[in-house]
Amino acid sequence: MRKRSSKISNIKDIISSRSFLFGIKPDNLYILNDAWEKEMSGFKNYFDLAAVEKNVLIINARTSVAANEVRIRKHEIIRSINKYFKNKWIKDVKVFVRNF
């Protein structure tokens, strides 16, 4: 019988690896959530933050009109969110219309 080799890592090694959360720091997610609440609170009824993929915000819009508003304000949204980070983390915004 062959001996199975197992690669057991401690939690510090897992968190510090690039593959953990796709390279996104957990602290940045907390900051992003707070920044989103502060900057986009007036638009809660129209669109919401769905996900982050590397350095792209994924936004769900409730209507096509709201999706167009996000596309028009794309650079404004990026600028207002990035002011909460040391480095400009968010580079792009993708918007999808959520069907109910």
Protein backbone atom coordinates (compact mmCIF):
# COMPACT_ATOMS: atom_id res chain seq x y z
CA MET A 1 0.00 0.00 0.00
CA ARG A 2 1.14 3.45 -0.79
CA LYS A 3 1.21 6.00 1.89
CA ARG A 4 -1.03 8.96 1.24
CA SER A 5 0.64 12.27 1.57
CA SER A 6 -1.41 15.03 3.02
CA LYS A 7 -0.65 18.68 2.88
CA ILE A 8 -2.07 20.14 6.02
CA SER A 9 -1.66 23.89 6.30
CA ASN A 10 -2.26 26.09 9.23
CA ILE A 11 -4.82 28.87 8.97
CA LYS A 12 -2.19 31.60 8.69
CA ASP A 13 -0.72 29.96 5.58
CA ILE A 14 -4.16 29.59 4.01
CA ILE A 15 -5.15 33.22 4.63
CA SER A 16 -1.83 34.57 3.38
CA SER A 17 -1.99 32.55 0.16
CA ARG A 18 -3.06 34.29 -3.07
CA SER A 19 -5.81 31.74 -3.70
CA PHE A 20 -7.67 32.51 -0.47
CA LEU A 21 -10.72 34.61 -1.43
CA PHE A 22 -9.20 35.01 -4.90
CA GLY A 23 -6.48 37.29 -3.57
CA ILE A 24 -8.90 39.72 -1.89
CA LYS A 25 -8.04 40.74 1.64
CA PRO A 26 -10.92 40.12 4.07
CA ASP A 27 -10.36 43.57 5.59
CA ASN A 28 -11.01 45.14 2.20
CA LEU A 29 -14.40 43.44 2.05
CA TYR A 30 -15.44 45.04 5.35
CA ILE A 31 -14.24 48.44 4.17
CA LEU A 32 -16.00 47.98 0.84
CA ASN A 33 -19.27 47.12 2.55
CA ASP A 34 -19.09 50.23 4.74
CA ALA A 35 -18.08 52.44 1.81
CA TRP A 36 -20.95 51.09 -0.27
CA GLU A 37 -23.44 51.80 2.52
CA LYS A 38 -22.16 55.37 2.97
CA GLU A 39 -21.79 56.31 -0.70
CA MET A 40 -24.73 54.51 -2.30
CA SER A 41 -27.33 54.64 0.46
CA GLY A 42 -29.63 56.84 -1.64
CA PHE A 43 -29.81 54.21 -4.37
CA LYS A 44 -30.64 51.16 -2.19
CA ASN A 45 -34.05 50.79 -3.81
CA TYR A 46 -32.61 50.63 -7.31
CA PHE A 47 -29.38 48.62 -7.19
CA ASP A 48 -27.16 46.79 -4.72
CA LEU A 49 -23.66 45.39 -4.48
CA ALA A 50 -23.73 41.73 -5.44
CA ALA A 51 -20.08 40.66 -5.51
CA VAL A 52 -16.45 41.58 -6.05
CA GLU A 53 -14.35 39.74 -8.59
CA LYS A 54 -10.67 40.65 -8.16
CA ASN A 55 -10.96 44.41 -8.69
CA VAL A 56 -14.38 44.61 -10.36
CA LEU A 57 -17.63 45.48 -8.57
CA ILE A 58 -20.60 43.38 -9.63
CA ILE A 59 -23.83 45.31 -9.16
CA ASN A 60 -27.38 44.00 -9.46
CA ALA A 61 -29.87 46.55 -10.77
CA ARG A 62 -33.58 46.06 -10.29
CA THR A 63 -34.57 47.70 -13.57
CA SER A 64 -32.91 48.48 -16.88
CA VAL A 65 -33.18 52.19 -16.07
CA ALA A 66 -31.19 51.62 -12.87
CA ALA A 67 -28.62 49.61 -14.84
CA ASN A 68 -28.19 52.52 -17.24
CA GLU A 69 -27.76 54.88 -14.29
CA VAL A 70 -24.93 52.70 -12.98
CA ARG A 71 -23.29 52.68 -16.41
CA ILE A 72 -23.53 56.48 -16.62
CA ARG A 73 -22.15 56.94 -13.07
CA LYS A 74 -19.51 54.21 -13.40
CA HIS A 75 -16.48 56.50 -12.98
CA GLU A 76 -18.14 58.39 -10.14
CA ILE A 77 -18.89 55.13 -8.30
CA ILE A 78 -15.31 53.90 -8.74
CA ARG A 79 -13.88 57.19 -7.50
CA SER A 80 -16.18 57.41 -4.47
CA ILE A 81 -15.48 53.80 -3.40
CA ASN A 82 -11.70 53.98 -3.96
CA LYS A 83 -11.29 56.97 -1.64
CA TYR A 84 -11.73 54.56 1.29
CA PHE A 85 -8.68 52.48 0.30
CA LYS A 86 -4.95 53.27 0.36
CA ASN A 87 -4.52 51.95 -3.18
CA LYS A 88 -7.08 52.26 -5.94
CA TRP A 89 -8.52 48.79 -5.62
CA ILE A 90 -11.66 48.99 -7.76
CA LYS A 91 -10.92 49.33 -11.48
CA ASP A 92 -14.26 48.55 -13.13
CA VAL A 93 -17.97 48.12 -12.53
CA LYS A 94 -20.21 45.50 -14.14
CA VAL A 95 -23.95 45.76 -13.83
CA PHE A 96 -26.63 43.14 -14.37
CA VAL A 97 -30.39 43.48 -14.31
CA ARG A 98 -31.86 41.21 -11.68
CA ASN A 99 -35.13 39.61 -12.68
CA PHE A 100 -37.63 39.03 -9.92
